[in-house]
Amino acid sequence: MTRILKFTFLAAILIVVLSASLTFGRDDEDVAVSCYLGTHDQYEEIGTIAVFNPARNAVGLCNTTYWDCNNQCWACWTDSNGEAVCKDLSGRQFNR
């Protein structure tokens, strides 16, 4: 095999492996996340969004999706164990 042919072959295999890992690496679907404004005792639900990784992205996406949040919203979702989990602006995760 020539060098160019070897390089092309390796590049093709790499593309197939990366594509497969991106396709099969994703567990389930997006999770419904509720966005709240206010304190943990008195709050208003602003809206609901779909988030792939809520533990990492929910609060930020709530605040960028809803203008009413004014960067003050926190988020809640149901985790894989069926428990209601929330995360506030400081990154503190708690059960509701």
Protein backbone atom coordinates (compact mmCIF):
# COMPACT_ATOMS: atom_id res chain seq x y z
CA MET A 1 0.00 0.00 0.00
CA THR A 2 1.19 3.46 -0.72
CA ARG A 3 1.36 6.09 1.99
CA ILE A 4 -1.61 8.01 0.62
CA LEU A 5 -3.73 4.88 0.44
CA LYS A 6 -2.79 3.93 4.03
CA PHE A 7 -3.62 7.43 5.25
CA THR A 8 -6.98 7.41 3.44
CA PHE A 9 -7.81 3.99 4.88
CA LEU A 10 -6.94 5.07 8.44
CA ALA A 11 -8.89 8.32 8.06
CA ALA A 12 -11.96 6.40 6.87
CA ILE A 13 -11.78 4.03 9.85
CA LEU A 14 -11.40 6.94 12.24
CA ILE A 15 -14.47 8.67 10.79
CA VAL A 16 -16.54 5.48 11.15
CA VAL A 17 -15.45 4.98 14.77
CA LEU A 18 -16.16 8.60 15.72
CA SER A 19 -19.56 8.56 14.02
CA ALA A 20 -20.51 5.35 15.80
CA SER A 21 -19.44 6.68 19.19
CA LEU A 22 -21.48 9.86 18.71
CA THR A 23 -24.53 7.90 17.62
CA PHE A 24 -24.42 5.19 20.28
CA GLY A 25 -22.96 7.30 23.06
CA ARG A 26 -26.17 9.17 23.64
CA ASP A 27 -28.25 7.33 26.25
CA ASP A 28 -31.85 8.40 26.08
CA GLU A 29 -33.76 11.37 24.87
CA ASP A 30 -33.87 14.89 26.23
CA VAL A 31 -35.30 15.41 29.72
CA ALA A 32 -38.17 17.82 30.44
CA VAL A 33 -36.88 20.60 32.71
CA SER A 34 -39.08 23.13 34.50
CA CYS A 35 -37.66 26.62 34.92
CA TYR A 36 -38.55 28.55 38.09
CA LEU A 37 -38.13 32.15 39.22
CA GLY A 38 -38.13 33.08 42.89
CA THR A 39 -37.01 31.46 46.12
CA HIS A 40 -37.27 27.78 46.90
CA ASP A 41 -40.32 28.54 49.08
CA GLN A 42 -42.11 31.04 46.83
CA TYR A 43 -41.62 30.57 43.11
CA GLU A 44 -43.31 30.84 39.75
CA GLU A 45 -42.85 28.37 36.93
CA ILE A 46 -41.63 30.29 33.91
CA GLY A 47 -41.67 27.43 31.39
CA THR A 48 -40.45 24.00 30.39
CA ILE A 49 -37.57 23.09 28.08
CA ALA A 50 -36.03 19.84 26.84
CA VAL A 51 -32.42 19.31 27.93
CA PHE A 52 -30.06 16.41 27.14
CA ASN A 53 -27.89 16.70 30.27
CA PRO A 54 -29.92 18.64 32.85
CA ALA A 55 -27.41 18.26 35.70
CA ARG A 56 -24.93 20.17 33.58
CA ASN A 57 -27.01 22.45 31.34
CA ALA A 58 -30.49 23.05 32.81
CA VAL A 59 -29.98 26.29 34.74
CA GLY A 60 -28.03 27.99 31.96
CA LEU A 61 -30.53 26.95 29.29
CA CYS A 62 -33.48 28.15 31.39
CA ASN A 63 -31.85 31.55 31.75
CA THR A 64 -30.98 31.87 28.07
CA THR A 65 -34.33 30.55 26.84
CA TYR A 66 -36.70 32.68 28.92
CA TRP A 67 -36.32 36.45 28.94
CA ASP A 68 -38.43 36.67 32.13
CA CYS A 69 -35.72 34.79 34.03
CA ASN A 70 -33.37 37.74 33.85
CA ASN A 71 -30.56 35.29 34.74
CA GLN A 72 -32.26 34.43 38.05
CA CYS A 73 -34.02 31.13 37.26
CA TRP A 74 -33.33 27.71 38.72
CA ALA A 75 -34.34 24.35 37.26
CA CYS A 76 -35.99 21.05 38.24
CA TRP A 77 -36.34 17.71 36.44
CA THR A 78 -37.07 14.07 37.19
CA ASP A 79 -33.91 11.97 37.31
CA SER A 80 -33.47 8.35 36.20
CA ASN A 81 -34.56 7.15 39.67
CA GLY A 82 -37.86 9.04 39.40
CA GLU A 83 -36.84 11.68 41.95
CA ALA A 84 -37.46 15.40 41.49
CA VAL A 85 -34.03 17.05 41.38
CA CYS A 86 -33.38 20.78 41.26
CA LYS A 87 -30.33 22.94 40.74
CA ASP A 88 -30.01 26.59 41.69
CA LEU A 89 -27.88 29.42 40.36
CA SER A 90 -24.99 28.64 42.71
CA GLY A 91 -24.83 25.10 41.32
CA ARG A 92 -26.29 23.49 44.45
CA GLN A 93 -28.28 20.39 43.55
CA PHE A 94 -31.16 19.38 45.85
CA ASN A 95 -34.24 17.18 45.92
CA ARG A 96 -37.63 18.75 45.90
